[in-house]
Amino acid sequence: MTTKRLITTMVLAACAQVASADGMQSLEGFMKGAKSGRADFTQTVTAPSKDGQQPKVKTSTGNFEFQRPGRFRFDYRRPFEQTIVADGKTLWLHDIDLNQVTQRAQSQALGSTPAALLASAPDLSALKADFNLSSAPDQDGLQWVVAEPKAKEGQIKSVRVGFAGETLATLDILDNFGQRSVLTFTNMQVNTPLAPTAFQFKPPANADVVKQ
């Protein structure tokens, strides 16, 4: 190897190491600094194509709030209303159109899910207990981390987490069935006061409640 090629290789390796550090540093900064927050979100779900047909794409919008550890709320507004609340003990899913509530023990439902990346894990070391974490090259102006669940029996294959500095910007989720779900967060407000009732949920009196 010539001296010029050797220097080029060393420079590229150094750049790769810097880029690699950025993603993990952004994740660590988010885990340390963002104890609560709220944002708007757009979720695009792309189902795998079948029989050569174009994949089906569905887009939803809504609001998101979290308080670490263990509390978060997704309020889907369009095209259909749905509420998902984790109150620290129970995970509630309310399908407003069907007027049906699904109730699950939070400890059994979240473990190696994207929710752990957002709100459930109290710190980076706790996150590493459930995920293998690695940095990815910068893309679209964001720093990226790839999280792969250690538990192989779950539905999630991998999650790419994009940061703008230490601000969470994107979750790119791939499940074991080939479905891709991308959540893009805007108007993120970190450590802003949240309503005391934000993570409380009581099923409507006439709702059909299903316990799992």
N, C-alpha and C. Protein backbone atom coordinates (compact mmCIF):
# COMPACT_ATOMS: atom_id res chain seq x y z
N MET A 1 0.85 -1.19 0.00
CA MET A 1 0.00 0.00 0.00
C MET A 1 0.88 1.24 0.00
N THR A 2 0.61 2.20 -0.92
CA THR A 2 1.40 3.43 -0.98
C THR A 2 1.11 4.31 0.21
N THR A 3 2.04 5.25 0.45
CA THR A 3 1.86 6.18 1.58
C THR A 3 0.59 6.98 1.41
N LYS A 4 0.28 7.41 0.18
CA LYS A 4 -0.92 8.21 -0.08
C LYS A 4 -2.17 7.42 0.23
N ARG A 5 -2.21 6.15 -0.21
CA ARG A 5 -3.38 5.31 0.05
C ARG A 5 -3.52 5.02 1.53
N LEU A 6 -2.38 4.85 2.20
CA LEU A 6 -2.41 4.57 3.64
C LEU A 6 -2.99 5.77 4.39
N ILE A 7 -2.56 6.97 4.02
CA ILE A 7 -3.08 8.18 4.68
C ILE A 7 -4.56 8.33 4.42
N THR A 8 -4.98 8.08 3.17
CA THR A 8 -6.40 8.18 2.82
C THR A 8 -7.23 7.21 3.64
N THR A 9 -6.73 5.97 3.75
CA THR A 9 -7.45 4.96 4.53
C THR A 9 -7.56 5.37 5.99
N MET A 10 -6.49 5.92 6.54
CA MET A 10 -6.50 6.35 7.94
C MET A 10 -7.48 7.50 8.15
N VAL A 11 -7.52 8.43 7.20
CA VAL A 11 -8.45 9.56 7.30
C VAL A 11 -9.89 9.08 7.24
N LEU A 12 -10.18 8.18 6.30
CA LEU A 12 -11.54 7.65 6.19
C LEU A 12 -11.94 6.90 7.44
N ALA A 13 -11.02 6.12 8.00
CA ALA A 13 -11.31 5.39 9.23
C ALA A 13 -11.58 6.34 10.38
N ALA A 14 -10.80 7.41 10.45
CA ALA A 14 -11.01 8.39 11.52
C ALA A 14 -12.36 9.07 11.36
N CYS A 15 -12.71 9.42 10.12
CA CYS A 15 -14.02 10.05 9.87
C CYS A 15 -15.15 9.11 10.26
N ALA A 16 -14.99 7.83 9.94
CA ALA A 16 -16.02 6.85 10.28
C ALA A 16 -16.18 6.76 11.79
N GLN A 17 -15.06 6.82 12.52
CA GLN A 17 -15.13 6.75 13.96
C GLN A 17 -15.84 7.96 14.54
N VAL A 18 -15.57 9.15 13.97
CA VAL A 18 -16.24 10.36 14.43
C VAL A 18 -17.73 10.27 14.19
N ALA A 19 -18.10 9.83 12.97
CA ALA A 19 -19.52 9.70 12.66
C ALA A 19 -20.18 8.68 13.56
N SER A 20 -19.42 7.59 13.83
CA SER A 20 -19.97 6.55 14.69
C SER A 20 -20.24 7.07 16.08
N ALA A 21 -19.33 7.90 16.58
CA ALA A 21 -19.48 8.43 17.93
C ALA A 21 -20.67 9.37 18.02
N ASP A 22 -20.94 10.13 16.96
CA ASP A 22 -21.98 11.15 17.00
C ASP A 22 -23.34 10.55 17.34
N GLY A 23 -23.70 9.44 16.69
CA GLY A 23 -25.00 8.85 16.93
C GLY A 23 -25.17 8.40 18.37
N MET A 24 -24.20 7.70 18.89
CA MET A 24 -24.27 7.21 20.25
C MET A 24 -24.23 8.36 21.26
N GLN A 25 -23.46 9.40 20.95
CA GLN A 25 -23.41 10.55 21.83
C GLN A 25 -24.75 11.27 21.85
N SER A 26 -25.40 11.35 20.70
CA SER A 26 -26.72 11.97 20.64
C SER A 26 -27.74 11.18 21.45
N LEU A 27 -27.69 9.84 21.32
CA LEU A 27 -28.59 8.99 22.09
C LEU A 27 -28.34 9.15 23.58
N GLU A 28 -27.07 9.13 23.96
CA GLU A 28 -26.73 9.27 25.38
C GLU A 28 -27.18 10.63 25.91
N GLY A 29 -26.99 11.68 25.10
CA GLY A 29 -27.42 13.01 25.52
C GLY A 29 -28.93 13.09 25.68
N PHE A 30 -29.65 12.44 24.77
CA PHE A 30 -31.11 12.41 24.87
C PHE A 30 -31.56 11.66 26.11
N MET A 31 -30.95 10.51 26.38
CA MET A 31 -31.34 9.72 27.54
C MET A 31 -31.04 10.46 28.85
N LYS A 32 -29.94 11.20 28.88
CA LYS A 32 -29.57 11.94 30.09
C LYS A 32 -30.39 13.21 30.26
N GLY A 33 -30.62 13.91 29.15
CA GLY A 33 -31.18 15.25 29.26
C GLY A 33 -32.68 15.36 29.11
N ALA A 34 -33.31 14.45 28.36
CA ALA A 34 -34.75 14.56 28.09
C ALA A 34 -35.52 13.68 29.06
N LYS A 35 -35.94 14.23 30.16
CA LYS A 35 -36.70 13.48 31.15
C LYS A 35 -38.20 13.48 30.82
N SER A 36 -38.62 14.45 30.06
CA SER A 36 -40.02 14.51 29.62
C SER A 36 -40.06 15.33 28.33
N GLY A 37 -41.20 15.29 27.67
CA GLY A 37 -41.31 16.08 26.45
C GLY A 37 -42.62 15.84 25.72
N ARG A 38 -42.82 16.66 24.71
CA ARG A 38 -43.99 16.50 23.84
C ARG A 38 -43.60 16.89 22.43
N ALA A 39 -44.34 16.34 21.46
CA ALA A 39 -44.06 16.62 20.05
C ALA A 39 -45.28 16.27 19.22
N ASP A 40 -45.32 16.78 18.00
CA ASP A 40 -46.25 16.31 16.98
C ASP A 40 -45.56 15.18 16.22
N PHE A 41 -46.33 14.28 15.65
CA PHE A 41 -45.70 13.21 14.87
C PHE A 41 -46.52 12.89 13.63
N THR A 42 -45.78 12.39 12.65
CA THR A 42 -46.38 11.80 11.45
C THR A 42 -45.84 10.39 11.34
N GLN A 43 -46.74 9.42 11.19
CA GLN A 43 -46.34 8.02 11.09
C GLN A 43 -46.73 7.48 9.72
N THR A 44 -45.74 6.93 9.03
CA THR A 44 -45.98 6.32 7.73
C THR A 44 -45.67 4.83 7.82
N VAL A 45 -46.68 4.01 7.58
CA VAL A 45 -46.53 2.56 7.66
C VAL A 45 -46.58 1.99 6.25
N THR A 46 -45.53 1.25 5.89
CA THR A 46 -45.44 0.64 4.56
C THR A 46 -45.45 -0.87 4.70
N ALA A 47 -46.49 -1.50 4.18
CA ALA A 47 -46.58 -2.96 4.22
C ALA A 47 -45.72 -3.54 3.10
N PRO A 48 -45.17 -4.74 3.30
CA PRO A 48 -44.38 -5.36 2.24
C PRO A 48 -45.23 -5.65 1.01
N SER A 49 -44.62 -5.52 -0.16
CA SER A 49 -45.35 -5.76 -1.39
C SER A 49 -45.64 -7.25 -1.55
N LYS A 50 -46.77 -7.55 -2.19
CA LYS A 50 -47.17 -8.93 -2.43
C LYS A 50 -47.51 -9.13 -3.90
N ASP A 51 -47.03 -10.26 -4.43
CA ASP A 51 -47.35 -10.65 -5.81
C ASP A 51 -47.04 -9.54 -6.81
N GLY A 52 -45.93 -8.83 -6.56
CA GLY A 52 -45.50 -7.81 -7.50
C GLY A 52 -46.29 -6.51 -7.44
N GLN A 53 -47.25 -6.41 -6.54
CA GLN A 53 -48.05 -5.19 -6.42
C GLN A 53 -47.30 -4.13 -5.64
N GLN A 54 -47.72 -2.88 -5.82
CA GLN A 54 -47.13 -1.79 -5.08
C GLN A 54 -47.44 -1.93 -3.59
N PRO A 55 -46.47 -1.67 -2.72
CA PRO A 55 -46.74 -1.78 -1.28
C PRO A 55 -47.78 -0.76 -0.83
N LYS A 56 -48.59 -1.15 0.14
CA LYS A 56 -49.61 -0.25 0.68
C LYS A 56 -48.98 0.67 1.72
N VAL A 57 -49.34 1.94 1.63
CA VAL A 57 -48.78 2.94 2.53
C VAL A 57 -49.92 3.65 3.27
N LYS A 58 -49.80 3.73 4.59
CA LYS A 58 -50.79 4.44 5.41
C LYS A 58 -50.08 5.51 6.23
N THR A 59 -50.70 6.69 6.29
CA THR A 59 -50.11 7.80 7.02
C THR A 59 -51.06 8.28 8.10
N SER A 60 -50.53 8.48 9.30
CA SER A 60 -51.31 8.97 10.44
C SER A 60 -50.58 10.16 11.07
N THR A 61 -51.32 11.01 11.75
CA THR A 61 -50.71 12.14 12.45
C THR A 61 -51.31 12.25 13.83
N GLY A 62 -50.56 12.88 14.73
CA GLY A 62 -51.06 13.06 16.08
C GLY A 62 -50.07 13.75 16.97
N ASN A 63 -50.23 13.54 18.28
CA ASN A 63 -49.40 14.17 19.30
C ASN A 63 -48.80 13.11 20.21
N PHE A 64 -47.63 13.41 20.74
CA PHE A 64 -46.89 12.47 21.58
C PHE A 64 -46.38 13.18 22.82
N GLU A 65 -46.49 12.52 23.99
CA GLU A 65 -45.93 13.04 25.23
C GLU A 65 -45.26 11.89 25.96
N PHE A 66 -44.19 12.22 26.72
CA PHE A 66 -43.53 11.18 27.51
C PHE A 66 -42.95 11.76 28.78
N GLN A 67 -42.81 10.89 29.76
CA GLN A 67 -42.12 11.23 31.00
C GLN A 67 -41.37 9.99 31.45
N ARG A 68 -40.06 10.05 31.43
CA ARG A 68 -39.24 8.91 31.77
C ARG A 68 -39.08 8.81 33.29
N PRO A 69 -39.09 7.59 33.87
CA PRO A 69 -39.27 6.32 33.16
C PRO A 69 -40.73 5.85 33.15
N GLY A 70 -41.11 5.25 32.02
CA GLY A 70 -42.31 4.43 32.00
C GLY A 70 -43.63 5.06 31.65
N ARG A 71 -43.64 6.35 31.29
CA ARG A 71 -44.93 6.98 30.98
C ARG A 71 -44.88 7.65 29.61
N PHE A 72 -45.88 7.36 28.79
CA PHE A 72 -45.98 8.05 27.52
C PHE A 72 -47.42 8.00 27.02
N ARG A 73 -47.67 8.82 26.03
CA ARG A 73 -49.03 8.92 25.47
C ARG A 73 -48.93 9.28 23.98
N PHE A 74 -49.60 8.47 23.14
CA PHE A 74 -49.77 8.78 21.73
C PHE A 74 -51.25 9.06 21.49
N ASP A 75 -51.56 10.22 20.96
CA ASP A 75 -52.93 10.55 20.56
C ASP A 75 -52.96 10.69 19.04
N TYR A 76 -53.46 9.64 18.38
CA TYR A 76 -53.62 9.69 16.93
C TYR A 76 -54.87 10.50 16.60
N ARG A 77 -54.71 11.48 15.71
CA ARG A 77 -55.81 12.37 15.35
C ARG A 77 -56.40 12.04 13.98
N ARG A 78 -55.55 11.79 13.01
CA ARG A 78 -55.98 11.53 11.63
C ARG A 78 -55.21 10.34 11.09
N PRO A 79 -55.85 9.54 10.22
CA PRO A 79 -57.25 9.63 9.75
C PRO A 79 -58.25 9.05 10.75
N PHE A 80 -57.75 8.29 11.76
CA PHE A 80 -58.65 7.71 12.76
C PHE A 80 -58.12 8.04 14.14
N GLU A 81 -59.03 8.25 15.07
CA GLU A 81 -58.64 8.59 16.43
C GLU A 81 -58.33 7.32 17.23
N GLN A 82 -57.19 7.37 17.89
CA GLN A 82 -56.76 6.26 18.74
C GLN A 82 -55.83 6.81 19.82
N THR A 83 -55.94 6.27 21.01
CA THR A 83 -55.11 6.74 22.12
C THR A 83 -54.35 5.56 22.72
N ILE A 84 -53.05 5.74 22.92
CA ILE A 84 -52.21 4.75 23.58
C ILE A 84 -51.57 5.43 24.79
N VAL A 85 -51.80 4.86 25.97
CA VAL A 85 -51.28 5.46 27.20
C VAL A 85 -50.56 4.39 28.02
N ALA A 86 -49.34 4.70 28.45
CA ALA A 86 -48.60 3.88 29.42
C ALA A 86 -48.51 4.69 30.70
N ASP A 87 -49.10 4.18 31.78
CA ASP A 87 -49.16 4.95 33.02
C ASP A 87 -48.13 4.52 34.06
N GLY A 88 -47.23 3.64 33.67
CA GLY A 88 -46.22 3.13 34.59
C GLY A 88 -46.49 1.71 35.02
N LYS A 89 -47.74 1.29 34.97
CA LYS A 89 -48.13 -0.07 35.34
C LYS A 89 -48.90 -0.78 34.22
N THR A 90 -49.75 -0.01 33.54
CA THR A 90 -50.65 -0.59 32.54
C THR A 90 -50.50 0.14 31.21
N LEU A 91 -50.55 -0.63 30.13
CA LEU A 91 -50.58 -0.06 28.78
C LEU A 91 -52.01 -0.13 28.28
N TRP A 92 -52.56 1.03 27.95
CA TRP A 92 -53.94 1.13 27.47
C TRP A 92 -53.96 1.51 26.00
N LEU A 93 -54.81 0.86 25.23
CA LEU A 93 -55.02 1.21 23.83
C LEU A 93 -56.52 1.40 23.62
N HIS A 94 -56.91 2.61 23.26
CA HIS A 94 -58.32 2.93 23.08
C HIS A 94 -58.58 3.23 21.61
N ASP A 95 -59.30 2.33 20.94
CA ASP A 95 -59.76 2.55 19.57
C ASP A 95 -61.10 3.27 19.67
N ILE A 96 -61.08 4.56 19.36
CA ILE A 96 -62.25 5.40 19.61
C ILE A 96 -63.40 5.04 18.68
N ASP A 97 -63.10 4.74 17.42
CA ASP A 97 -64.17 4.37 16.48
C ASP A 97 -64.88 3.10 16.91
N LEU A 98 -64.13 2.11 17.38
CA LEU A 98 -64.72 0.85 17.82
C LEU A 98 -65.19 0.92 19.27
N ASN A 99 -64.77 1.97 19.97
CA ASN A 99 -65.05 2.12 21.39
C ASN A 99 -64.60 0.88 22.15
N GLN A 100 -63.39 0.45 21.83
CA GLN A 100 -62.80 -0.73 22.46
C GLN A 100 -61.48 -0.36 23.12
N VAL A 101 -61.28 -0.87 24.32
CA VAL A 101 -60.06 -0.61 25.09
C VAL A 101 -59.34 -1.93 25.32
N THR A 102 -58.05 -1.96 24.98
CA THR A 102 -57.20 -3.12 25.27
C THR A 102 -56.30 -2.76 26.43
N GLN A 103 -56.23 -3.63 27.42
CA GLN A 103 -55.48 -3.40 28.65
C GLN A 103 -54.43 -4.49 28.81
N ARG A 104 -53.16 -4.09 28.97
CA ARG A 104 -52.08 -5.06 29.13
C ARG A 104 -51.15 -4.59 30.25
N ALA A 105 -50.52 -5.54 30.91
CA ALA A 105 -49.50 -5.20 31.90
C ALA A 105 -48.31 -4.58 31.18
N GLN A 106 -47.92 -3.40 31.61
CA GLN A 106 -46.87 -2.67 30.92
C GLN A 106 -45.54 -3.41 30.93
N SER A 107 -45.24 -4.08 32.03
CA SER A 107 -43.96 -4.79 32.15
C SER A 107 -43.82 -5.91 31.12
N GLN A 108 -44.94 -6.44 30.66
CA GLN A 108 -44.92 -7.53 29.69
C GLN A 108 -45.03 -7.03 28.25
N ALA A 109 -45.40 -5.76 28.10
CA ALA A 109 -45.72 -5.27 26.77
C ALA A 109 -44.61 -4.46 26.11
N LEU A 110 -43.71 -3.86 26.90
CA LEU A 110 -42.83 -2.85 26.32
C LEU A 110 -41.40 -3.30 26.07
N GLY A 111 -40.80 -4.02 27.03
CA GLY A 111 -39.42 -4.49 26.95
C GLY A 111 -38.60 -4.04 25.76
N SER A 112 -38.65 -4.80 24.68
CA SER A 112 -37.81 -4.54 23.51
C SER A 112 -38.59 -3.87 22.39
N THR A 113 -39.39 -2.88 22.73
CA THR A 113 -40.17 -2.15 21.75
C THR A 113 -39.63 -0.75 21.58
N PRO A 114 -40.01 -0.05 20.51
CA PRO A 114 -39.55 1.33 20.34
C PRO A 114 -39.92 2.24 21.52
N ALA A 115 -40.99 1.91 22.24
CA ALA A 115 -41.37 2.73 23.39
C ALA A 115 -40.27 2.75 24.44
N ALA A 116 -39.51 1.67 24.54
CA ALA A 116 -38.40 1.65 25.50
C ALA A 116 -37.35 2.67 25.14
N LEU A 117 -37.15 2.90 23.83
CA LEU A 117 -36.20 3.90 23.38
C LEU A 117 -36.66 5.30 23.74
N LEU A 118 -37.96 5.52 23.72
CA LEU A 118 -38.50 6.85 23.95
C LEU A 118 -38.66 7.17 25.43
N ALA A 119 -39.23 6.25 26.17
CA ALA A 119 -39.69 6.63 27.51
C ALA A 119 -39.48 5.60 28.59
N SER A 120 -39.41 4.33 28.26
CA SER A 120 -39.43 3.31 29.31
C SER A 120 -38.10 3.18 30.03
N ALA A 121 -37.00 3.11 29.28
CA ALA A 121 -35.70 2.93 29.91
C ALA A 121 -35.28 4.21 30.62
N PRO A 122 -34.84 4.11 31.88
CA PRO A 122 -34.45 5.32 32.61
C PRO A 122 -33.12 5.90 32.15
N ASP A 123 -32.23 5.07 31.60
CA ASP A 123 -30.92 5.56 31.18
C ASP A 123 -30.35 4.64 30.10
N LEU A 124 -29.17 4.99 29.61
CA LEU A 124 -28.58 4.26 28.49
C LEU A 124 -28.21 2.84 28.88
N SER A 125 -27.73 2.64 30.10
CA SER A 125 -27.34 1.29 30.53
C SER A 125 -28.55 0.36 30.57
N ALA A 126 -29.70 0.88 31.00
CA ALA A 126 -30.93 0.08 31.00
C ALA A 126 -31.36 -0.25 29.58
N LEU A 127 -31.15 0.69 28.66
CA LEU A 127 -31.50 0.46 27.27
C LEU A 127 -30.63 -0.63 26.66
N LYS A 128 -29.35 -0.64 27.05
CA LYS A 128 -28.44 -1.65 26.53
C LYS A 128 -28.78 -3.05 27.03
N ALA A 129 -29.54 -3.14 28.10
CA ALA A 129 -29.94 -4.46 28.60
C ALA A 129 -30.93 -5.13 27.65
N ASP A 130 -31.69 -4.33 26.89
CA ASP A 130 -32.70 -4.87 25.99
C ASP A 130 -32.32 -4.79 24.52
N PHE A 131 -31.36 -3.92 24.18
CA PHE A 131 -31.00 -3.70 22.78
C PHE A 131 -29.49 -3.80 22.58
N ASN A 132 -29.12 -4.30 21.39
CA ASN A 132 -27.76 -4.12 20.89
C ASN A 132 -27.74 -2.80 20.12
N LEU A 133 -26.90 -1.89 20.54
CA LEU A 133 -26.87 -0.54 19.97
C LEU A 133 -25.60 -0.34 19.16
N SER A 134 -25.74 0.28 18.01
CA SER A 134 -24.57 0.61 17.18
C SER A 134 -24.86 1.88 16.39
N SER A 135 -23.83 2.66 16.14
CA SER A 135 -23.99 3.87 15.36
C SER A 135 -24.06 3.56 13.88
N ALA A 136 -24.70 4.45 13.15
CA ALA A 136 -24.79 4.35 11.69
C ALA A 136 -24.34 5.67 11.10
N PRO A 137 -23.93 5.69 9.82
CA PRO A 137 -23.48 6.95 9.22
C PRO A 137 -24.57 8.01 9.22
N ASP A 138 -24.15 9.27 9.30
CA ASP A 138 -25.09 10.37 9.20
C ASP A 138 -25.85 10.30 7.87
N GLN A 139 -27.14 10.65 7.92
CA GLN A 139 -27.97 10.63 6.72
C GLN A 139 -29.09 11.64 6.89
N ASP A 140 -29.40 12.37 5.83
CA ASP A 140 -30.47 13.36 5.83
C ASP A 140 -30.28 14.41 6.92
N GLY A 141 -29.03 14.72 7.22
CA GLY A 141 -28.74 15.72 8.22
C GLY A 141 -28.93 15.27 9.64
N LEU A 142 -29.10 13.95 9.86
CA LEU A 142 -29.34 13.41 11.20
C LEU A 142 -28.23 12.45 11.58
N GLN A 143 -28.05 12.27 12.90
CA GLN A 143 -27.15 11.26 13.43
C GLN A 143 -28.00 10.04 13.78
N TRP A 144 -27.50 8.84 13.45
CA TRP A 144 -28.33 7.65 13.55
C TRP A 144 -27.72 6.60 14.47
N VAL A 145 -28.61 5.90 15.16
CA VAL A 145 -28.25 4.73 15.96
C VAL A 145 -29.16 3.58 15.55
N VAL A 146 -28.60 2.40 15.41
CA VAL A 146 -29.39 1.21 15.11
C VAL A 146 -29.56 0.41 16.40
N ALA A 147 -30.80 0.10 16.74
CA ALA A 147 -31.11 -0.68 17.94
C ALA A 147 -31.75 -1.99 17.52
N GLU A 148 -31.16 -3.10 17.92
CA GLU A 148 -31.69 -4.42 17.61
C GLU A 148 -32.06 -5.12 18.92
N PRO A 149 -33.31 -5.51 19.08
CA PRO A 149 -33.73 -6.16 20.33
C PRO A 149 -32.95 -7.44 20.57
N LYS A 150 -32.55 -7.64 21.83
CA LYS A 150 -31.85 -8.87 22.18
C LYS A 150 -32.82 -10.05 22.24
N ALA A 151 -34.06 -9.77 22.59
CA ALA A 151 -35.08 -10.82 22.62
C ALA A 151 -35.52 -11.12 21.20
N LYS A 152 -35.34 -12.34 20.76
CA LYS A 152 -35.62 -12.71 19.38
C LYS A 152 -37.07 -13.10 19.15
N GLU A 153 -37.84 -13.29 20.21
CA GLU A 153 -39.23 -13.73 20.03
C GLU A 153 -40.19 -12.57 19.79
N GLY A 154 -39.71 -11.34 19.86
CA GLY A 154 -40.58 -10.19 19.66
C GLY A 154 -40.88 -9.93 18.19
N GLN A 155 -41.67 -8.90 17.92
CA GLN A 155 -42.07 -8.58 16.55
C GLN A 155 -41.11 -7.62 15.87
N ILE A 156 -40.28 -6.92 16.63
CA ILE A 156 -39.41 -5.90 16.07
C ILE A 156 -38.07 -6.50 15.65
N LYS A 157 -37.67 -6.23 14.40
CA LYS A 157 -36.37 -6.68 13.91
C LYS A 157 -35.30 -5.66 14.22
N SER A 158 -35.57 -4.40 13.92
CA SER A 158 -34.59 -3.35 14.19
C SER A 158 -35.28 -1.99 14.22
N VAL A 159 -34.61 -1.05 14.89
CA VAL A 159 -35.10 0.34 14.94
C VAL A 159 -33.92 1.26 14.65
N ARG A 160 -34.09 2.15 13.67
CA ARG A 160 -33.10 3.20 13.42
C ARG A 160 -33.63 4.47 14.08
N VAL A 161 -32.80 5.08 14.91
CA VAL A 161 -33.19 6.27 15.65
C VAL A 161 -32.37 7.44 15.13
N GLY A 162 -33.06 8.48 14.65
CA GLY A 162 -32.38 9.64 14.10
C GLY A 162 -32.47 10.84 15.04
N PHE A 163 -31.34 11.52 15.21
CA PHE A 163 -31.27 12.68 16.09
C PHE A 163 -30.76 13.89 15.32
N ALA A 164 -31.31 15.05 15.65
CA ALA A 164 -30.76 16.33 15.23
C ALA A 164 -30.07 16.90 16.46
N GLY A 165 -28.77 16.68 16.57
CA GLY A 165 -28.09 16.99 17.82
C GLY A 165 -28.55 15.99 18.87
N GLU A 166 -29.11 16.50 19.97
CA GLU A 166 -29.65 15.62 21.01
C GLU A 166 -31.18 15.63 21.00
N THR A 167 -31.76 16.10 19.90
CA THR A 167 -33.21 16.14 19.76
C THR A 167 -33.69 14.96 18.94
N LEU A 168 -34.59 14.17 19.49
CA LEU A 168 -35.15 13.04 18.75
C LEU A 168 -35.94 13.53 17.55
N ALA A 169 -35.62 12.98 16.37
CA ALA A 169 -36.26 13.43 15.14
C ALA A 169 -37.04 12.33 14.43
N THR A 170 -36.54 11.08 14.46
CA THR A 170 -37.14 10.01 13.65
C THR A 170 -36.94 8.65 14.31
N LEU A 171 -37.98 7.83 14.21
CA LEU A 171 -37.87 6.40 14.50
C LEU A 171 -38.22 5.65 13.23
N ASP A 172 -37.34 4.79 12.78
CA ASP A 172 -37.55 4.00 11.57
C ASP A 172 -37.56 2.53 12.00
N ILE A 173 -38.76 1.95 12.05
CA ILE A 173 -38.96 0.64 12.67
C ILE A 173 -39.23 -0.42 11.60
N LEU A 174 -38.49 -1.51 11.65
CA LEU A 174 -38.70 -2.63 10.74
C LEU A 174 -39.08 -3.84 11.58
N ASP A 175 -40.25 -4.45 11.27
CA ASP A 175 -40.65 -5.62 12.05
C ASP A 175 -40.26 -6.91 11.32
N ASN A 176 -40.49 -8.03 11.98
CA ASN A 176 -40.07 -9.31 11.43
C ASN A 176 -40.94 -9.79 10.28
N PHE A 177 -42.00 -9.05 9.96
CA PHE A 177 -42.87 -9.40 8.84
C PHE A 177 -42.59 -8.52 7.62
N GLY A 178 -41.56 -7.67 7.72
CA GLY A 178 -41.19 -6.82 6.60
C GLY A 178 -41.93 -5.51 6.54
N GLN A 179 -42.75 -5.21 7.55
CA GLN A 179 -43.46 -3.93 7.58
C GLN A 179 -42.56 -2.85 8.16
N ARG A 180 -42.59 -1.68 7.53
CA ARG A 180 -41.76 -0.57 7.98
C ARG A 180 -42.65 0.57 8.46
N SER A 181 -42.32 1.10 9.64
CA SER A 181 -43.07 2.20 10.22
C SER A 181 -42.09 3.32 10.56
N VAL A 182 -42.32 4.49 9.99
CA VAL A 182 -41.44 5.64 10.21
C VAL A 182 -42.22 6.73 10.94
N LEU A 183 -41.76 7.08 12.13
CA LEU A 183 -42.34 8.18 12.89
C LEU A 183 -41.40 9.37 12.82
N THR A 184 -41.92 10.49 12.34
CA THR A 184 -41.16 11.73 12.25
C THR A 184 -41.73 12.71 13.26
N PHE A 185 -40.86 13.22 14.14
CA PHE A 185 -41.30 14.11 15.20
C PHE A 185 -40.96 15.56 14.85
N THR A 186 -41.91 16.46 15.11
CA THR A 186 -41.70 17.88 14.90
C THR A 186 -42.16 18.64 16.13
N ASN A 187 -41.68 19.88 16.24
CA ASN A 187 -42.05 20.74 17.37
C ASN A 187 -41.75 20.07 18.71
N MET A 188 -40.63 19.37 18.77
CA MET A 188 -40.25 18.68 20.00
C MET A 188 -39.93 19.69 21.10
N GLN A 189 -40.58 19.56 22.25
CA GLN A 189 -40.32 20.38 23.42
C GLN A 189 -39.86 19.46 24.55
N VAL A 190 -38.64 19.66 25.02
CA VAL A 190 -38.04 18.78 26.01
C VAL A 190 -38.12 19.40 27.40
N ASN A 191 -38.46 18.56 28.38
CA ASN A 191 -38.55 18.97 29.78
C ASN A 191 -39.52 20.13 29.98
N THR A 192 -40.57 20.13 29.18
CA THR A 192 -41.62 21.13 29.32
C THR A 192 -42.68 20.61 30.29
N PRO A 193 -43.34 21.49 31.05
CA PRO A 193 -44.38 21.02 31.98
C PRO A 193 -45.50 20.30 31.25
N LEU A 194 -45.92 19.17 31.79
CA LEU A 194 -47.00 18.38 31.23
C LEU A 194 -48.16 18.34 32.21
N ALA A 195 -49.35 18.17 31.67
CA ALA A 195 -50.55 18.11 32.53
C ALA A 195 -50.46 16.91 33.45
N PRO A 196 -50.85 17.04 34.72
CA PRO A 196 -50.81 15.91 35.66
C PRO A 196 -51.63 14.72 35.18
N THR A 197 -52.63 14.98 34.37
CA THR A 197 -53.51 13.90 33.89
C THR A 197 -53.04 13.28 32.57
N ALA A 198 -51.89 13.74 32.05
CA ALA A 198 -51.46 13.30 30.72
C ALA A 198 -51.32 11.79 30.63
N PHE A 199 -50.88 11.14 31.72
CA PHE A 199 -50.61 9.70 31.67
C PHE A 199 -51.60 8.90 32.51
N GLN A 200 -52.76 9.47 32.68
CA GLN A 200 -53.85 8.77 33.34
C GLN A 200 -54.88 8.36 32.29
N PHE A 201 -55.44 7.18 32.47
CA PHE A 201 -56.47 6.73 31.53
C PHE A 201 -57.53 5.96 32.28
N LYS A 202 -58.77 6.28 32.00
CA LYS A 202 -59.90 5.56 32.56
C LYS A 202 -60.83 5.19 31.41
N PRO A 203 -61.08 3.89 31.21
CA PRO A 203 -61.93 3.48 30.09
C PRO A 203 -63.30 4.14 30.17
N PRO A 204 -63.84 4.59 29.05
CA PRO A 204 -65.21 5.11 29.05
C PRO A 204 -66.18 4.08 29.58
N ALA A 205 -67.23 4.57 30.23
CA ALA A 205 -68.18 3.68 30.92
C ALA A 205 -68.80 2.64 29.99
N ASN A 206 -68.99 2.99 28.71
CA ASN A 206 -69.67 2.06 27.80
C ASN A 206 -68.70 1.34 26.86
N ALA A 207 -67.40 1.44 27.14
CA ALA A 207 -66.41 0.82 26.24
C ALA A 207 -66.28 -0.67 26.52
N ASP A 208 -65.94 -1.40 25.49
CA ASP A 208 -65.64 -2.83 25.61
C ASP A 208 -64.18 -2.97 25.99
N VAL A 209 -63.89 -3.49 27.21
CA VAL A 209 -62.53 -3.59 27.70
C VAL A 209 -62.03 -5.03 27.56
N VAL A 210 -60.90 -5.18 26.86
CA VAL A 210 -60.31 -6.50 26.65
C VAL A 210 -58.97 -6.55 27.39
N LYS A 211 -58.83 -7.51 28.31
CA LYS A 211 -57.58 -7.65 29.06
C LYS A 211 -56.73 -8.74 28.43
N GLN A 212 -55.45 -8.44 28.25
CA GLN A 212 -54.53 -9.40 27.63
C GLN A 212 -53.38 -9.72 28.58
